[in-house]
């Protein structure tokens, strides 16, 4: 059986359609059709139901998509346009990851209640999602990202209520909870991924500013890793695990030498996470006699790069071919040192 579409004219000359349920059968003179039922004017949903019944389909769902009963309307495609498009996939994923990490509950519990129109926890959520999806400035978030994303619908916060000054204030409040946030993420990520914090890698990077940066006291001219010695900068000390998971960071003056940051970082990490039996790994830029004494005190263990000016002391040991192989591609040699 199948459905047959029959045209007819209504008053006023408008052509409409009605439907018949038709059965095929065989005769001596060949296949013939007979009308089983006149269905009249029915919508697409009704026609789909008749078709399923005619085909002997079971009423229960037999696959993932077979229970769908769509409806159709006729449209003039030349007059169709897209309005208010929203990026959804990455925004939704960011919110789901925040829920998995428990960050939404953490923000709600850590921020004080206020009379602000938008709670600090919601502003922090917007900032985190924006950084996850499109790492740009707060001005770009306010003028472009937020209004083009699905966050206004998902969070219930109107587009006009999210502007740059409000986001800047949100950052000012968020940075006061930096240590609490780092401690929380350390524990949460450790449970999710079974991270071992026995080896910590520490290094320095920098970021520079266009302009005089008069309102930013730490911004100073110093050794520029970006090749911009004409600009003021700040240096950023970052501690990560062997998996690359950030554990903590500090912002320093732009003219502070790398070696002058070690005591601050070691003290900060031990104050937050305790003095466990960990190994600090740093490059030769961190080396100084003061740092040697610091790392050797209290039984701390460390691996640091040897400064080039000290390699001469170990030249005859390094030229000796008797090295111990740890694994493929890695050989070591113990050299006596004062």
C-alpha atoms as a PDB file:
ATOM      1  CA  UNK A   1       0.000   0.000   0.000  1.00  0.00           C
ATOM      2  CA  UNK A   2       1.036   3.576  -0.554  1.00  0.00           C
ATOM      3  CA  UNK A   3      -0.264   7.143  -0.371  1.00  0.00           C
ATOM      4  CA  UNK A   4      -1.516   8.906  -3.478  1.00  0.00           C
ATOM      5  CA  UNK A   5      -1.602  12.693  -3.744  1.00  0.00           C
ATOM      6  CA  UNK A   6      -4.644  14.091  -5.622  1.00  0.00           C
ATOM      7  CA  UNK A   7      -4.905  17.775  -6.630  1.00  0.00           C
ATOM      8  CA  UNK A   8      -8.178  19.670  -6.627  1.00  0.00           C
ATOM      9  CA  UNK A   9      -9.213  23.295  -6.904  1.00  0.00           C
ATOM     10  CA  UNK A  10     -10.968  25.213  -4.157  1.00  0.00           C
ATOM     11  CA  UNK A  11     -13.119  28.271  -4.689  1.00  0.00           C
ATOM     12  CA  UNK A  12     -10.965  31.153  -5.848  1.00  0.00           C
ATOM     13  CA  UNK A  13      -8.789  28.899  -8.019  1.00  0.00           C
ATOM     14  CA  UNK A  14      -6.436  27.799  -5.231  1.00  0.00           C
ATOM     15  CA  UNK A  15      -5.012  24.326  -5.807  1.00  0.00           C
ATOM     16  CA  UNK A  16      -5.063  22.015  -2.784  1.00  0.00           C
ATOM     17  CA  UNK A  17      -4.317  18.360  -2.264  1.00  0.00           C
ATOM     18  CA  UNK A  18      -6.021  15.433  -0.660  1.00  0.00           C
ATOM     19  CA  UNK A  19      -4.711  11.958  -0.044  1.00  0.00           C
ATOM     20  CA  UNK A  20      -5.794   8.410  -0.726  1.00  0.00           C
ATOM     21  CA  UNK A  21      -4.533   5.178   0.758  1.00  0.00           C
ATOM     22  CA  UNK A  22      -4.059   2.873  -2.255  1.00  0.00           C
ATOM     23  CA  UNK A  23      -3.408  -0.865  -2.393  1.00  0.00           C
ATOM     24  CA  UNK A  24      -1.589  -2.697  -5.189  1.00  0.00           C
ATOM     25  CA  UNK A  25      -2.806  -6.157  -6.240  1.00  0.00           C
ATOM     26  CA  UNK A  26      -2.171  -8.533  -9.134  1.00  0.00           C
ATOM     27  CA  UNK A  27      -4.672  -9.655 -11.788  1.00  0.00           C
ATOM     28  CA  UNK A  28      -4.465 -11.768 -14.908  1.00  0.00           C
ATOM     29  CA  UNK A  29      -4.033  -8.551 -16.872  1.00  0.00           C
ATOM     30  CA  UNK A  30      -1.242  -7.249 -14.625  1.00  0.00           C
ATOM     31  CA  UNK A  31      -0.995  -5.141 -11.443  1.00  0.00           C
ATOM     32  CA  UNK A  32      -3.916  -2.936 -10.528  1.00  0.00           C
ATOM     33  CA  UNK A  33      -4.632  -0.321  -7.816  1.00  0.00           C
ATOM     34  CA  UNK A  34      -7.684   0.143  -5.643  1.00  0.00           C
ATOM     35  CA  UNK A  35      -8.464   2.857  -3.139  1.00  0.00           C
ATOM     36  CA  UNK A  36      -8.608   1.550   0.417  1.00  0.00           C
ATOM     37  CA  UNK A  37      -9.491   4.873   2.096  1.00  0.00           C
ATOM     38  CA  UNK A  38      -9.950   8.527   1.235  1.00  0.00           C
ATOM     39  CA  UNK A  39      -7.877  10.465   3.789  1.00  0.00           C
ATOM     40  CA  UNK A  40      -8.684  14.017   2.750  1.00  0.00           C
ATOM     41  CA  UNK A  41      -6.347  16.847   3.664  1.00  0.00           C
ATOM     42  CA  UNK A  42      -3.846  15.660   6.309  1.00  0.00           C
ATOM     43  CA  UNK A  43      -0.561  17.086   7.567  1.00  0.00           C
ATOM     44  CA  UNK A  44       2.819  15.493   7.233  1.00  0.00           C
ATOM     45  CA  UNK A  45       2.633  14.010  10.717  1.00  0.00           C
ATOM     46  CA  UNK A  46      -0.650  12.278   9.873  1.00  0.00           C
ATOM     47  CA  UNK A  47       0.688  11.021   6.561  1.00  0.00           C
ATOM     48  CA  UNK A  48       3.750   9.607   8.330  1.00  0.00           C
ATOM     49  CA  UNK A  49       1.512   7.714  10.753  1.00  0.00           C
ATOM     50  CA  UNK A  50      -0.605   6.271   7.912  1.00  0.00           C
ATOM     51  CA  UNK A  51       2.508   5.297   6.012  1.00  0.00           C
ATOM     52  CA  UNK A  52       3.925   3.457   9.018  1.00  0.00           C
ATOM     53  CA  UNK A  53       0.644   1.614   9.549  1.00  0.00           C
ATOM     54  CA  UNK A  54       0.465   0.703   5.866  1.00  0.00           C
ATOM     55  CA  UNK A  55       3.990  -0.662   5.945  1.00  0.00           C
ATOM     56  CA  UNK A  56       3.187  -2.788   8.991  1.00  0.00           C
ATOM     57  CA  UNK A  57       5.624  -0.880  11.209  1.00  0.00           C
ATOM     58  CA  UNK A  58       5.533  -1.573  14.945  1.00  0.00           C
ATOM     59  CA  UNK A  59       4.268   1.275  17.128  1.00  0.00           C
ATOM     60  CA  UNK A  60       7.244   0.949  19.518  1.00  0.00           C
ATOM     61  CA  UNK A  61      10.625   2.521  18.765  1.00  0.00           C
ATOM     62  CA  UNK A  62      12.781   0.115  16.750  1.00  0.00           C
ATOM     63  CA  UNK A  63      15.837   2.363  16.403  1.00  0.00           C
ATOM     64  CA  UNK A  64      17.223   5.609  17.707  1.00  0.00           C
ATOM     65  CA  UNK A  65      15.497   7.883  15.186  1.00  0.00           C
ATOM     66  CA  UNK A  66      12.414   5.966  14.013  1.00  0.00           C
ATOM     67  CA  UNK A  67      10.064   7.480  16.606  1.00  0.00           C
ATOM     68  CA  UNK A  68      10.500  10.968  15.146  1.00  0.00           C
ATOM     69  CA  UNK A  69       7.317  12.536  13.794  1.00  0.00           C
ATOM     70  CA  UNK A  70       8.383  15.768  12.134  1.00  0.00           C
ATOM     71  CA  UNK A  71       6.056  18.466  10.874  1.00  0.00           C
ATOM     72  CA  UNK A  72       6.630  20.462   7.699  1.00  0.00           C
ATOM     73  CA  UNK A  73       5.508  23.836   6.440  1.00  0.00           C
ATOM     74  CA  UNK A  74       5.998  25.365   3.040  1.00  0.00           C
ATOM     75  CA  UNK A  75       8.359  28.349   3.026  1.00  0.00           C
ATOM     76  CA  UNK A  76       9.762  30.724   0.457  1.00  0.00           C
ATOM     77  CA  UNK A  77      13.473  30.009   0.690  1.00  0.00           C
ATOM     78  CA  UNK A  78      14.307  33.269  -1.067  1.00  0.00           C
ATOM     79  CA  UNK A  79      12.940  35.150   1.954  1.00  0.00           C
ATOM     80  CA  UNK A  80      14.611  33.049   4.642  1.00  0.00           C
ATOM     81  CA  UNK A  81      17.438  34.640   6.646  1.00  0.00           C
ATOM     82  CA  UNK A  82      19.390  33.671   9.734  1.00  0.00           C
ATOM     83  CA  UNK A  83      19.108  35.906  12.777  1.00  0.00           C
ATOM     84  CA  UNK A  84      20.731  35.908  16.224  1.00  0.00           C
ATOM     85  CA  UNK A  85      23.175  33.071  15.627  1.00  0.00           C
ATOM     86  CA  UNK A  86      24.908  31.817  18.772  1.00  0.00           C
ATOM     87  CA  UNK A  87      28.043  29.734  19.343  1.00  0.00           C
ATOM     88  CA  UNK A  88      26.960  26.866  21.516  1.00  0.00           C
ATOM     89  CA  UNK A  89      29.160  23.765  21.410  1.00  0.00           C
ATOM     90  CA  UNK A  90      32.345  25.061  23.030  1.00  0.00           C
ATOM     91  CA  UNK A  91      30.379  27.182  25.515  1.00  0.00           C
ATOM     92  CA  UNK A  92      28.273  24.224  26.614  1.00  0.00           C
ATOM     93  CA  UNK A  93      31.393  22.046  26.913  1.00  0.00           C
ATOM     94  CA  UNK A  94      33.137  24.661  29.066  1.00  0.00           C
ATOM     95  CA  UNK A  95      30.171  24.825  31.450  1.00  0.00           C
ATOM     96  CA  UNK A  96      30.018  21.031  31.669  1.00  0.00           C
ATOM     97  CA  UNK A  97      33.739  20.836  32.448  1.00  0.00           C
ATOM     98  CA  UNK A  98      33.313  23.461  35.162  1.00  0.00           C
ATOM     99  CA  UNK A  99      30.533  21.354  36.672  1.00  0.00           C
ATOM    100  CA  UNK A 100      32.750  18.257  36.491  1.00  0.00           C
ATOM    101  CA  UNK A 101      35.510  20.126  38.310  1.00  0.00           C
ATOM    102  CA  UNK A 102      33.016  21.506  40.808  1.00  0.00           C
ATOM    103  CA  UNK A 103      34.051  25.057  39.958  1.00  0.00           C
ATOM    104  CA  UNK A 104      30.520  26.453  39.831  1.00  0.00           C
ATOM    105  CA  UNK A 105      29.830  25.264  43.387  1.00  0.00           C
ATOM    106  CA  UNK A 106      33.276  26.448  44.478  1.00  0.00           C
ATOM    107  CA  UNK A 107      32.657  29.962  43.154  1.00  0.00           C
ATOM    108  CA  UNK A 108      29.250  30.109  44.812  1.00  0.00           C
ATOM    109  CA  UNK A 109      30.748  29.108  48.145  1.00  0.00           C
ATOM    110  CA  UNK A 110      33.918  31.203  48.078  1.00  0.00           C
ATOM    111  CA  UNK A 111      32.555  34.583  47.001  1.00  0.00           C
ATOM    112  CA  UNK A 112      30.817  36.799  49.542  1.00  0.00           C
ATOM    113  CA  UNK A 113      27.224  37.811  48.995  1.00  0.00           C
ATOM    114  CA  UNK A 114      26.793  41.326  47.665  1.00  0.00           C
ATOM    115  CA  UNK A 115      24.176  43.685  46.329  1.00  0.00           C
ATOM    116  CA  UNK A 116      25.677  43.562  42.844  1.00  0.00           C
ATOM    117  CA  UNK A 117      23.218  42.924  40.037  1.00  0.00           C
ATOM    118  CA  UNK A 118      25.296  39.978  38.849  1.00  0.00           C
ATOM    119  CA  UNK A 119      26.805  37.718  41.550  1.00  0.00           C
ATOM    120  CA  UNK A 120      30.598  37.458  41.603  1.00  0.00           C
ATOM    121  CA  UNK A 121      30.303  33.702  41.073  1.00  0.00           C
ATOM    122  CA  UNK A 122      28.481  34.241  37.768  1.00  0.00           C
ATOM    123  CA  UNK A 123      31.051  36.806  36.623  1.00  0.00           C
ATOM    124  CA  UNK A 124      33.831  34.340  37.420  1.00  0.00           C
ATOM    125  CA  UNK A 125      32.008  31.686  35.394  1.00  0.00           C
ATOM    126  CA  UNK A 126      31.743  34.035  32.406  1.00  0.00           C
ATOM    127  CA  UNK A 127      35.454  34.847  32.612  1.00  0.00           C
ATOM    128  CA  UNK A 128      36.468  31.182  32.804  1.00  0.00           C
ATOM    129  CA  UNK A 129      34.222  30.127  29.907  1.00  0.00           C
ATOM    130  CA  UNK A 130      35.432  33.008  27.740  1.00  0.00           C
ATOM    131  CA  UNK A 131      39.069  32.102  28.393  1.00  0.00           C
ATOM    132  CA  UNK A 132      38.351  28.451  27.575  1.00  0.00           C
ATOM    133  CA  UNK A 133      36.612  29.267  24.295  1.00  0.00           C
ATOM    134  CA  UNK A 134      38.468  32.323  23.047  1.00  0.00           C
ATOM    135  CA  UNK A 135      41.306  33.736  25.135  1.00  0.00           C
ATOM    136  CA  UNK A 136      40.989  37.495  24.611  1.00  0.00           C
ATOM    137  CA  UNK A 137      40.708  40.632  26.689  1.00  0.00           C
ATOM    138  CA  UNK A 138      37.782  41.549  28.910  1.00  0.00           C
ATOM    139  CA  UNK A 139      36.926  44.301  26.426  1.00  0.00           C
ATOM    140  CA  UNK A 140      36.647  41.734  23.648  1.00  0.00           C
ATOM    141  CA  UNK A 141      34.511  39.507  25.876  1.00  0.00           C
ATOM    142  CA  UNK A 142      32.106  42.364  26.573  1.00  0.00           C
ATOM    143  CA  UNK A 143      31.916  43.724  23.031  1.00  0.00           C
ATOM    144  CA  UNK A 144      32.027  40.523  20.970  1.00  0.00           C
ATOM    145  CA  UNK A 145      32.227  37.145  22.687  1.00  0.00           C
ATOM    146  CA  UNK A 146      29.412  37.286  25.233  1.00  0.00           C
ATOM    147  CA  UNK A 147      26.732  38.634  22.882  1.00  0.00           C
ATOM    148  CA  UNK A 148      27.656  36.107  20.167  1.00  0.00           C
ATOM    149  CA  UNK A 149      27.651  33.114  22.531  1.00  0.00           C
ATOM    150  CA  UNK A 150      24.814  31.162  24.105  1.00  0.00           C
ATOM    151  CA  UNK A 151      25.825  32.286  27.618  1.00  0.00           C
ATOM    152  CA  UNK A 152      22.990  34.872  27.902  1.00  0.00           C
ATOM    153  CA  UNK A 153      20.501  32.034  27.395  1.00  0.00           C
ATOM    154  CA  UNK A 154      22.352  29.410  29.460  1.00  0.00           C
ATOM    155  CA  UNK A 155      23.070  31.698  32.430  1.00  0.00           C
ATOM    156  CA  UNK A 156      20.028  33.961  32.188  1.00  0.00           C
ATOM    157  CA  UNK A 157      22.170  37.132  32.230  1.00  0.00           C
ATOM    158  CA  UNK A 158      21.237  39.782  29.666  1.00  0.00           C
ATOM    159  CA  UNK A 159      23.818  40.944  27.145  1.00  0.00           C
ATOM    160  CA  UNK A 160      23.610  44.581  28.244  1.00  0.00           C
ATOM    161  CA  UNK A 161      24.492  43.610  31.828  1.00  0.00           C
ATOM    162  CA  UNK A 162      27.927  42.288  30.853  1.00  0.00           C
ATOM    163  CA  UNK A 163      30.351  45.108  30.067  1.00  0.00           C
ATOM    164  CA  UNK A 164      34.087  45.661  30.419  1.00  0.00           C
ATOM    165  CA  UNK A 165      34.169  47.547  33.743  1.00  0.00           C
ATOM    166  CA  UNK A 166      32.005  44.892  35.393  1.00  0.00           C
ATOM    167  CA  UNK A 167      34.345  42.175  34.108  1.00  0.00           C
ATOM    168  CA  UNK A 168      37.381  44.092  35.373  1.00  0.00           C
ATOM    169  CA  UNK A 169      35.795  44.316  38.819  1.00  0.00           C
ATOM    170  CA  UNK A 170      35.114  40.593  38.637  1.00  0.00           C
ATOM    171  CA  UNK A 171      38.820  39.978  37.998  1.00  0.00           C
ATOM    172  CA  UNK A 172      39.737  42.178  40.958  1.00  0.00           C
ATOM    173  CA  UNK A 173      37.557  40.040  43.214  1.00  0.00           C
ATOM    174  CA  UNK A 174      38.666  36.747  41.643  1.00  0.00           C
ATOM    175  CA  UNK A 175      42.387  37.443  42.172  1.00  0.00           C
ATOM    176  CA  UNK A 176      41.820  37.804  45.922  1.00  0.00           C
ATOM    177  CA  UNK A 177      40.766  34.118  45.916  1.00  0.00           C
ATOM    178  CA  UNK A 178      43.756  32.958  43.875  1.00  0.00           C
ATOM    179  CA  UNK A 179      45.357  30.832  46.599  1.00  0.00           C
ATOM    180  CA  UNK A 180      42.031  29.201  47.529  1.00  0.00           C
ATOM    181  CA  UNK A 181      41.369  28.421  43.877  1.00  0.00           C
ATOM    182  CA  UNK A 182      44.822  26.900  43.385  1.00  0.00           C
ATOM    183  CA  UNK A 183      44.439  24.686  46.455  1.00  0.00           C
ATOM    184  CA  UNK A 184      40.993  23.540  45.364  1.00  0.00           C
ATOM    185  CA  UNK A 185      42.096  22.683  41.806  1.00  0.00           C
ATOM    186  CA  UNK A 186      45.176  20.867  43.120  1.00  0.00           C
ATOM    187  CA  UNK A 187      43.005  18.550  45.186  1.00  0.00           C
ATOM    188  CA  UNK A 188      40.272  18.119  42.586  1.00  0.00           C
ATOM    189  CA  UNK A 189      42.590  17.442  39.639  1.00  0.00           C
ATOM    190  CA  UNK A 190      44.670  15.119  41.798  1.00  0.00           C
ATOM    191  CA  UNK A 191      41.595  12.973  42.448  1.00  0.00           C
ATOM    192  CA  UNK A 192      40.311  13.049  38.862  1.00  0.00           C
ATOM    193  CA  UNK A 193      43.611  12.193  37.176  1.00  0.00           C
ATOM    194  CA  UNK A 194      45.587  10.553  40.008  1.00  0.00           C
ATOM    195  CA  UNK A 195      48.281  13.226  39.713  1.00  0.00           C
ATOM    196  CA  UNK A 196      51.461  12.759  41.726  1.00  0.00           C
ATOM    197  CA  UNK A 197      52.968  15.979  43.038  1.00  0.00           C
ATOM    198  CA  UNK A 198      56.401  14.546  43.847  1.00  0.00           C
ATOM    199  CA  UNK A 199      58.121  16.415  40.969  1.00  0.00           C
ATOM    200  CA  UNK A 200      57.500  20.141  40.410  1.00  0.00           C
ATOM    201  CA  UNK A 201      58.848  22.042  37.412  1.00  0.00           C
ATOM    202  CA  UNK A 202      59.385  25.776  37.810  1.00  0.00           C
ATOM    203  CA  UNK A 203      60.071  28.309  35.074  1.00  0.00           C
ATOM    204  CA  UNK A 204      59.647  31.992  34.264  1.00  0.00           C
ATOM    205  CA  UNK A 205      57.917  33.744  31.374  1.00  0.00           C
ATOM    206  CA  UNK A 206      56.970  37.359  30.776  1.00  0.00           C
ATOM    207  CA  UNK A 207      54.399  39.589  29.145  1.00  0.00           C
ATOM    208  CA  UNK A 208      54.881  43.181  28.051  1.00  0.00           C
ATOM    209  CA  UNK A 209      52.626  46.233  27.856  1.00  0.00           C
ATOM    210  CA  UNK A 210      52.219  48.879  25.200  1.00  0.00           C
ATOM    211  CA  UNK A 211      52.295  52.367  26.717  1.00  0.00           C
ATOM    212  CA  UNK A 212      53.730  53.779  29.917  1.00  0.00           C
ATOM    213  CA  UNK A 213      51.821  51.455  32.311  1.00  0.00           C
ATOM    214  CA  UNK A 214      51.874  54.121  35.022  1.00  0.00           C
ATOM    215  CA  UNK A 215      49.054  52.439  36.913  1.00  0.00           C
ATOM    216  CA  UNK A 216      50.929  49.128  37.098  1.00  0.00           C
ATOM    217  CA  UNK A 217      53.826  49.401  39.629  1.00  0.00           C
ATOM    218  CA  UNK A 218      55.320  45.917  38.885  1.00  0.00           C
ATOM    219  CA  UNK A 219      55.647  46.825  35.189  1.00  0.00           C
ATOM    220  CA  UNK A 220      59.327  47.624  34.627  1.00  0.00           C
ATOM    221  CA  UNK A 221      61.860  47.273  31.859  1.00  0.00           C
ATOM    222  CA  UNK A 222      64.052  44.205  32.069  1.00  0.00           C
ATOM    223  CA  UNK A 223      65.294  41.234  30.072  1.00  0.00           C
ATOM    224  CA  UNK A 224      62.618  40.787  27.397  1.00  0.00           C
ATOM    225  CA  UNK A 225      61.873  37.247  26.218  1.00  0.00           C
ATOM    226  CA  UNK A 226      59.558  38.780  23.607  1.00  0.00           C
ATOM    227  CA  UNK A 227      62.260  40.908  21.997  1.00  0.00           C
ATOM    228  CA  UNK A 228      60.649  44.148  23.215  1.00  0.00           C
ATOM    229  CA  UNK A 229      63.162  45.810  25.558  1.00  0.00           C
ATOM    230  CA  UNK A 230      61.461  49.143  24.785  1.00  0.00           C
ATOM    231  CA  UNK A 231      58.296  48.062  26.632  1.00  0.00           C
ATOM    232  CA  UNK A 232      57.627  47.596  30.299  1.00  0.00           C
ATOM    233  CA  UNK A 233      56.824  44.065  31.387  1.00  0.00           C
ATOM    234  CA  UNK A 234      56.048  41.762  34.282  1.00  0.00           C
ATOM    235  CA  UNK A 235      57.514  38.295  34.807  1.00  0.00           C
ATOM    236  CA  UNK A 236      55.349  35.321  35.719  1.00  0.00           C
ATOM    237  CA  UNK A 237      56.634  32.351  37.685  1.00  0.00           C
ATOM    238  CA  UNK A 238      54.695  29.144  36.961  1.00  0.00           C
ATOM    239  CA  UNK A 239      54.876  25.806  38.780  1.00  0.00           C
ATOM    240  CA  UNK A 240      53.562  22.724  36.951  1.00  0.00           C
ATOM    241  CA  UNK A 241      53.514  18.974  37.464  1.00  0.00           C
ATOM    242  CA  UNK A 242      55.222  16.503  35.144  1.00  0.00           C
ATOM    243  CA  UNK A 243      51.874  16.206  33.337  1.00  0.00           C
ATOM    244  CA  UNK A 244      51.871  19.961  32.716  1.00  0.00           C
ATOM    245  CA  UNK A 245      49.061  20.694  35.184  1.00  0.00           C
ATOM    246  CA  UNK A 246      49.519  24.207  36.679  1.00  0.00           C
ATOM    247  CA  UNK A 247      49.936  24.131  40.433  1.00  0.00           C
ATOM    248  CA  UNK A 248      50.576  27.791  41.202  1.00  0.00           C
ATOM    249  CA  UNK A 249      51.886  31.064  39.855  1.00  0.00           C
ATOM    250  CA  UNK A 250      53.158  34.443  41.019  1.00  0.00           C
ATOM    251  CA  UNK A 251      53.611  37.754  39.214  1.00  0.00           C
ATOM    252  CA  UNK A 252      56.924  39.579  39.753  1.00  0.00           C
ATOM    253  CA  UNK A 253      58.430  42.904  38.742  1.00  0.00           C
ATOM    254  CA  UNK A 254      59.606  43.034  35.168  1.00  0.00           C
ATOM    255  CA  UNK A 255      63.233  43.684  36.149  1.00  0.00           C
ATOM    256  CA  UNK A 256      63.557  40.928  38.769  1.00  0.00           C
ATOM    257  CA  UNK A 257      66.149  38.292  37.922  1.00  0.00           C
ATOM    258  CA  UNK A 258      64.906  34.700  37.648  1.00  0.00           C
ATOM    259  CA  UNK A 259      67.068  33.561  40.547  1.00  0.00           C
ATOM    260  CA  UNK A 260      65.467  36.160  42.825  1.00  0.00           C
ATOM    261  CA  UNK A 261      62.055  34.499  42.465  1.00  0.00           C
ATOM    262  CA  UNK A 262      62.953  31.020  43.742  1.00  0.00           C
ATOM    263  CA  UNK A 263      62.695  31.735  47.467  1.00  0.00           C
ATOM    264  CA  UNK A 264      59.249  33.328  47.023  1.00  0.00           C
ATOM    265  CA  UNK A 265      57.910  30.437  44.933  1.00  0.00           C
ATOM    266  CA  UNK A 266      59.303  27.662  47.134  1.00  0.00           C
ATOM    267  CA  UNK A 267      57.977  29.351  50.263  1.00  0.00           C
ATOM    268  CA  UNK A 268      54.571  29.953  48.693  1.00  0.00           C
ATOM    269  CA  UNK A 269      54.159  26.371  47.453  1.00  0.00           C
ATOM    270  CA  UNK A 270      55.228  24.884  50.787  1.00  0.00           C
ATOM    271  CA  UNK A 271      52.933  27.226  52.701  1.00  0.00           C
ATOM    272  CA  UNK A 272      49.971  26.168  50.536  1.00  0.00           C
ATOM    273  CA  UNK A 273      50.678  22.456  50.083  1.00  0.00           C
ATOM    274  CA  UNK A 274      53.096  21.554  52.851  1.00  0.00           C
ATOM    275  CA  UNK A 275      56.707  20.307  52.770  1.00  0.00           C
ATOM    276  CA  UNK A 276      56.271  16.937  51.120  1.00  0.00           C
ATOM    277  CA  UNK A 277      59.100  14.815  49.760  1.00  0.00           C
ATOM    278  CA  UNK A 278      59.131  16.498  46.360  1.00  0.00           C
ATOM    279  CA  UNK A 279      61.840  17.264  43.803  1.00  0.00           C
ATOM    280  CA  UNK A 280      62.204  20.783  42.401  1.00  0.00           C
ATOM    281  CA  UNK A 281      63.305  20.990  38.746  1.00  0.00           C
ATOM    282  CA  UNK A 282      64.640  24.342  37.452  1.00  0.00           C
ATOM    283  CA  UNK A 283      66.854  25.621  34.657  1.00  0.00           C
ATOM    284  CA  UNK A 284      70.260  27.218  35.077  1.00  0.00           C
ATOM    285  CA  UNK A 285      68.760  30.714  35.186  1.00  0.00           C
ATOM    286  CA  UNK A 286      67.524  29.985  38.712  1.00  0.00           C
ATOM    287  CA  UNK A 287      70.948  29.048  40.085  1.00  0.00           C
ATOM    288  CA  UNK A 288      72.670  31.112  42.748  1.00  0.00           C
ATOM    289  CA  UNK A 289      74.572  30.331  45.953  1.00  0.00           C
ATOM    290  CA  UNK A 290      71.630  31.606  48.005  1.00  0.00           C
ATOM    291  CA  UNK A 291      69.265  29.256  46.145  1.00  0.00           C
ATOM    292  CA  UNK A 292      71.607  26.298  46.658  1.00  0.00           C
ATOM    293  CA  UNK A 293      71.522  26.929  50.386  1.00  0.00           C
ATOM    294  CA  UNK A 294      67.748  27.354  50.330  1.00  0.00           C
ATOM    295  CA  UNK A 295      67.134  24.109  48.434  1.00  0.00           C
ATOM    296  CA  UNK A 296      69.626  22.123  50.534  1.00  0.00           C
ATOM    297  CA  UNK A 297      68.071  23.276  53.789  1.00  0.00           C
ATOM    298  CA  UNK A 298      65.349  21.146  55.392  1.00  0.00           C
ATOM    299  CA  UNK A 299      66.333  18.195  53.220  1.00  0.00           C
ATOM    300  CA  UNK A 300      64.856  19.571  49.981  1.00  0.00           C
ATOM    301  CA  UNK A 301      65.758  17.706  46.800  1.00  0.00           C
ATOM    302  CA  UNK A 302      66.342  19.409  43.468  1.00  0.00           C
ATOM    303  CA  UNK A 303      67.607  19.113  39.908  1.00  0.00           C
ATOM    304  CA  UNK A 304      68.943  22.349  38.408  1.00  0.00           C
ATOM    305  CA  UNK A 305      70.903  23.177  35.297  1.00  0.00           C
ATOM    306  CA  UNK A 306      74.594  23.891  35.825  1.00  0.00           C
ATOM    307  CA  UNK A 307      75.620  27.442  34.805  1.00  0.00           C
ATOM    308  CA  UNK A 308      77.856  27.468  31.744  1.00  0.00           C
ATOM    309  CA  UNK A 309      80.657  29.204  33.631  1.00  0.00           C
ATOM    310  CA  UNK A 310      80.856  26.223  36.017  1.00  0.00           C
ATOM    311  CA  UNK A 311      80.986  23.494  33.375  1.00  0.00           C
ATOM    312  CA  UNK A 312      84.787  23.872  33.111  1.00  0.00           C
ATOM    313  CA  UNK A 313      85.094  22.410  36.607  1.00  0.00           C
ATOM    314  CA  UNK A 314      83.528  19.151  35.395  1.00  0.00           C
ATOM    315  CA  UNK A 315      85.048  19.021  31.915  1.00  0.00           C
ATOM    316  CA  UNK A 316      87.336  16.025  32.513  1.00  0.00           C
ATOM    317  CA  UNK A 317      84.493  14.088  34.148  1.00  0.00           C
ATOM    318  CA  UNK A 318      82.091  14.833  31.296  1.00  0.00           C
ATOM    319  CA  UNK A 319      84.627  13.770  28.668  1.00  0.00           C
ATOM    320  CA  UNK A 320      84.924  10.371  30.322  1.00  0.00           C
ATOM    321  CA  UNK A 321      82.934   7.859  28.247  1.00  0.00           C
ATOM    322  CA  UNK A 322      81.732   5.818  31.214  1.00  0.00           C
ATOM    323  CA  UNK A 323      78.139   6.964  31.502  1.00  0.00           C
ATOM    324  CA  UNK A 324      75.207   5.060  33.036  1.00  0.00           C
ATOM    325  CA  UNK A 325      72.150   4.511  30.850  1.00  0.00           C
ATOM    326  CA  UNK A 326      68.853   5.145  32.638  1.00  0.00           C
ATOM    327  CA  UNK A 327      66.726   4.242  29.613  1.00  0.00           C
ATOM    328  CA  UNK A 328      66.886   4.629  25.851  1.00  0.00           C
ATOM    329  CA  UNK A 329      68.160   8.094  24.971  1.00  0.00           C
ATOM    330  CA  UNK A 330      69.056   9.088  28.553  1.00  0.00           C
ATOM    331  CA  UNK A 331      72.497   8.630  30.097  1.00  0.00           C
ATOM    332  CA  UNK A 332      73.784  10.082  33.362  1.00  0.00           C
ATOM    333  CA  UNK A 333      77.086  10.520  35.092  1.00  0.00           C
ATOM    334  CA  UNK A 334      77.776  11.345  38.708  1.00  0.00           C
ATOM    335  CA  UNK A 335      80.464  13.968  39.114  1.00  0.00           C
ATOM    336  CA  UNK A 336      81.939  14.893  42.516  1.00  0.00           C
ATOM    337  CA  UNK A 337      81.292  18.501  43.421  1.00  0.00           C
ATOM    338  CA  UNK A 338      82.179  20.758  46.346  1.00  0.00           C
END
